[in-house]
Structures are given as C-alpha cells and as structure tokens.
Amino acid sequence: MTRSEELTFEEALNRLRKIVSLVQRKEASLEESLDLLEEGIRLANICTEKVDNTRWFEEGLEEHKSESNLS
C-alpha cells in the first residue's frame, strides 16, 4: 500500500487545498505546477473514491436496516 492510499479523506483534501493555494499564489514554477497538478489529480481521485465508498457503505446499511424492519 502506498502513502497516498493511506491518506484519510481529510488529509487528501487538506493537501489538495494547499496545492490550489500554491498555484493560485503563483509560488511554483511551471514544472512544479505540473507536478502539483499530477498530485492534485491523484488526491482528487482519492477523495472521490472515499466519498463513493462511504455512500456505498451507507446505502448498504440503510438497505440492511430496511430488511431488518420488514422481518
């Protein structure tokens, strides 16, 4: 497992916000900006995956509760 896979949603989102801030303030060279863009895309994917997994888990819990209430 890589370090990026170990990040929590909050950690990934905070790093993504820092990257956006660096780029907006133009504190990075073009090459650094491209590297930050790559990292930002990976972080955005991590955040999206974690949100999707949470929704899937919550929907599964709701479905299970509904089935339990019907019994």
N, C-alpha and C. Protein backbone atom coordinates (compact mmCIF):
# COMPACT_ATOMS: atom_id res chain seq x y z
N MET A 1 0.85 -1.17 0.00
CA MET A 1 0.00 0.00 0.00
C MET A 1 0.90 1.25 0.00
N THR A 2 0.61 2.20 -0.88
CA THR A 2 1.40 3.42 -0.95
C THR A 2 0.88 4.44 0.05
N ARG A 3 1.68 5.46 0.29
CA ARG A 3 1.29 6.51 1.24
C ARG A 3 -0.02 7.17 0.83
N SER A 4 -0.23 7.40 -0.48
CA SER A 4 -1.46 8.06 -0.93
C SER A 4 -2.69 7.22 -0.62
N GLU A 5 -2.55 5.90 -0.62
CA GLU A 5 -3.69 5.04 -0.32
C GLU A 5 -4.00 5.05 1.17
N GLU A 6 -3.04 5.46 2.00
CA GLU A 6 -3.23 5.50 3.43
C GLU A 6 -3.84 6.83 3.90
N LEU A 7 -3.90 7.81 3.01
CA LEU A 7 -4.43 9.11 3.39
C LEU A 7 -5.90 9.03 3.74
N THR A 8 -6.30 9.78 4.74
CA THR A 8 -7.72 9.91 5.02
C THR A 8 -8.29 10.93 4.04
N PHE A 9 -9.59 11.00 3.99
CA PHE A 9 -10.24 11.99 3.14
C PHE A 9 -9.79 13.39 3.53
N GLU A 10 -9.76 13.66 4.82
CA GLU A 10 -9.40 14.99 5.32
C GLU A 10 -7.95 15.34 4.96
N GLU A 11 -7.05 14.39 5.09
CA GLU A 11 -5.64 14.64 4.74
C GLU A 11 -5.49 14.94 3.25
N ALA A 12 -6.16 14.15 2.43
CA ALA A 12 -6.08 14.35 0.99
C ALA A 12 -6.68 15.70 0.60
N LEU A 13 -7.80 16.04 1.19
CA LEU A 13 -8.46 17.30 0.88
C LEU A 13 -7.62 18.49 1.34
N ASN A 14 -7.03 18.40 2.52
CA ASN A 14 -6.17 19.48 3.01
C ASN A 14 -4.96 19.68 2.11
N ARG A 15 -4.33 18.60 1.67
CA ARG A 15 -3.19 18.72 0.77
C ARG A 15 -3.63 19.32 -0.56
N LEU A 16 -4.79 18.90 -1.04
CA LEU A 16 -5.32 19.44 -2.29
C LEU A 16 -5.55 20.95 -2.16
N ARG A 17 -6.07 21.38 -1.03
CA ARG A 17 -6.27 22.82 -0.80
C ARG A 17 -4.95 23.57 -0.78
N LYS A 18 -3.91 22.98 -0.18
CA LYS A 18 -2.59 23.61 -0.16
C LYS A 18 -2.03 23.75 -1.57
N ILE A 19 -2.23 22.72 -2.38
CA ILE A 19 -1.75 22.77 -3.76
C ILE A 19 -2.46 23.88 -4.52
N VAL A 20 -3.76 23.98 -4.36
CA VAL A 20 -4.53 25.03 -5.05
C VAL A 20 -4.01 26.40 -4.62
N SER A 21 -3.77 26.56 -3.34
CA SER A 21 -3.27 27.84 -2.83
C SER A 21 -1.91 28.18 -3.42
N LEU A 22 -1.00 27.20 -3.46
CA LEU A 22 0.33 27.43 -4.04
C LEU A 22 0.24 27.87 -5.49
N VAL A 23 -0.58 27.20 -6.25
CA VAL A 23 -0.70 27.50 -7.67
C VAL A 23 -1.38 28.86 -7.87
N GLN A 24 -2.40 29.15 -7.08
CA GLN A 24 -3.09 30.43 -7.22
C GLN A 24 -2.19 31.61 -6.87
N ARG A 25 -1.31 31.41 -5.88
CA ARG A 25 -0.40 32.48 -5.48
C ARG A 25 0.83 32.54 -6.39
N LYS A 26 0.88 31.64 -7.35
CA LYS A 26 1.97 31.57 -8.33
C LYS A 26 3.32 31.41 -7.63
N GLU A 27 3.34 30.56 -6.60
CA GLU A 27 4.56 30.30 -5.86
C GLU A 27 5.33 29.09 -6.39
N ALA A 28 4.87 28.55 -7.50
CA ALA A 28 5.52 27.37 -8.08
C ALA A 28 5.90 27.67 -9.52
N SER A 29 7.02 27.12 -9.92
CA SER A 29 7.44 27.25 -11.32
C SER A 29 6.48 26.43 -12.19
N LEU A 30 6.62 26.58 -13.50
CA LEU A 30 5.77 25.82 -14.41
C LEU A 30 5.96 24.32 -14.19
N GLU A 31 7.20 23.89 -14.07
CA GLU A 31 7.47 22.46 -13.86
C GLU A 31 6.87 21.98 -12.53
N GLU A 32 7.05 22.77 -11.48
CA GLU A 32 6.47 22.41 -10.18
C GLU A 32 4.95 22.40 -10.26
N SER A 33 4.39 23.35 -11.00
CA SER A 33 2.93 23.40 -11.15
C SER A 33 2.40 22.15 -11.83
N LEU A 34 3.13 21.65 -12.82
CA LEU A 34 2.71 20.42 -13.50
C LEU A 34 2.79 19.23 -12.55
N ASP A 35 3.85 19.18 -11.73
CA ASP A 35 3.95 18.11 -10.73
C ASP A 35 2.82 18.21 -9.71
N LEU A 36 2.50 19.45 -9.32
CA LEU A 36 1.40 19.66 -8.37
C LEU A 36 0.06 19.28 -8.99
N LEU A 37 -0.09 19.55 -10.28
CA LEU A 37 -1.31 19.15 -10.98
C LEU A 37 -1.48 17.64 -10.94
N GLU A 38 -0.40 16.91 -11.21
CA GLU A 38 -0.43 15.45 -11.15
C GLU A 38 -0.83 14.97 -9.76
N GLU A 39 -0.18 15.56 -8.75
CA GLU A 39 -0.50 15.18 -7.37
C GLU A 39 -1.95 15.52 -7.05
N GLY A 40 -2.39 16.68 -7.50
CA GLY A 40 -3.76 17.11 -7.26
C GLY A 40 -4.78 16.16 -7.87
N ILE A 41 -4.49 15.68 -9.05
CA ILE A 41 -5.40 14.72 -9.70
C ILE A 41 -5.47 13.44 -8.89
N ARG A 42 -4.30 12.95 -8.42
CA ARG A 42 -4.30 11.74 -7.59
C ARG A 42 -5.11 11.97 -6.30
N LEU A 43 -4.91 13.12 -5.69
CA LEU A 43 -5.62 13.42 -4.44
C LEU A 43 -7.12 13.54 -4.68
N ALA A 44 -7.51 14.19 -5.78
CA ALA A 44 -8.93 14.31 -6.11
C ALA A 44 -9.54 12.93 -6.32
N ASN A 45 -8.80 12.04 -6.96
CA ASN A 45 -9.29 10.67 -7.17
C ASN A 45 -9.45 9.94 -5.84
N ILE A 46 -8.50 10.14 -4.93
CA ILE A 46 -8.60 9.52 -3.60
C ILE A 46 -9.86 10.02 -2.90
N CYS A 47 -10.07 11.33 -2.93
CA CYS A 47 -11.25 11.91 -2.28
C CYS A 47 -12.54 11.37 -2.88
N THR A 48 -12.59 11.32 -4.20
CA THR A 48 -13.78 10.81 -4.89
C THR A 48 -14.05 9.36 -4.52
N GLU A 49 -12.99 8.55 -4.49
CA GLU A 49 -13.14 7.14 -4.15
C GLU A 49 -13.66 6.98 -2.72
N LYS A 50 -13.13 7.77 -1.81
CA LYS A 50 -13.55 7.66 -0.42
C LYS A 50 -15.01 8.09 -0.25
N VAL A 51 -15.42 9.14 -0.96
CA VAL A 51 -16.82 9.57 -0.91
C VAL A 51 -17.73 8.49 -1.49
N ASP A 52 -17.33 7.94 -2.64
CA ASP A 52 -18.13 6.88 -3.26
C ASP A 52 -18.25 5.66 -2.34
N ASN A 53 -17.14 5.27 -1.70
CA ASN A 53 -17.17 4.13 -0.79
C ASN A 53 -18.06 4.39 0.41
N THR A 54 -18.03 5.61 0.90
CA THR A 54 -18.88 5.97 2.05
C THR A 54 -20.34 5.90 1.66
N ARG A 55 -20.67 6.42 0.49
CA ARG A 55 -22.07 6.36 0.02
C ARG A 55 -22.52 4.92 -0.15
N TRP A 56 -21.65 4.10 -0.73
CA TRP A 56 -21.99 2.69 -0.95
C TRP A 56 -22.24 2.01 0.39
N PHE A 57 -21.37 2.29 1.37
CA PHE A 57 -21.49 1.69 2.70
C PHE A 57 -22.78 2.14 3.37
N GLU A 58 -23.07 3.45 3.31
CA GLU A 58 -24.28 3.98 3.93
C GLU A 58 -25.53 3.41 3.28
N GLU A 59 -25.52 3.30 1.97
CA GLU A 59 -26.68 2.71 1.27
C GLU A 59 -26.87 1.26 1.68
N GLY A 60 -25.78 0.53 1.84
CA GLY A 60 -25.87 -0.86 2.28
C GLY A 60 -26.43 -0.96 3.68
N LEU A 61 -26.04 -0.05 4.57
CA LEU A 61 -26.58 -0.04 5.93
C LEU A 61 -28.07 0.26 5.92
N GLU A 62 -28.46 1.25 5.13
CA GLU A 62 -29.88 1.60 5.05
C GLU A 62 -30.70 0.43 4.51
N GLU A 63 -30.17 -0.24 3.50
CA GLU A 63 -30.86 -1.39 2.92
C GLU A 63 -30.99 -2.50 3.96
N HIS A 64 -29.92 -2.73 4.73
CA HIS A 64 -29.94 -3.76 5.75
C HIS A 64 -30.96 -3.41 6.84
N LYS A 65 -31.01 -2.15 7.24
CA LYS A 65 -31.97 -1.72 8.26
C LYS A 65 -33.39 -1.93 7.77
N SER A 66 -33.65 -1.59 6.49
CA SER A 66 -34.97 -1.76 5.92
C SER A 66 -35.38 -3.22 5.91
N GLU A 67 -34.44 -4.09 5.54
CA GLU A 67 -34.73 -5.52 5.52
C GLU A 67 -34.99 -6.05 6.92
N SER A 68 -34.26 -5.53 7.91
CA SER A 68 -34.43 -5.96 9.29
C SER A 68 -35.79 -5.53 9.83
N ASN A 69 -36.23 -4.36 9.43
CA ASN A 69 -37.52 -3.84 9.89
C ASN A 69 -38.68 -4.59 9.29
N LEU A 70 -38.49 -5.19 8.12
CA LEU A 70 -39.55 -5.94 7.47
C LEU A 70 -39.73 -7.32 8.07
N SER A 71 -38.72 -7.82 8.72
CA SER A 71 -38.78 -9.17 9.28
C SER A 71 -39.59 -9.23 10.54
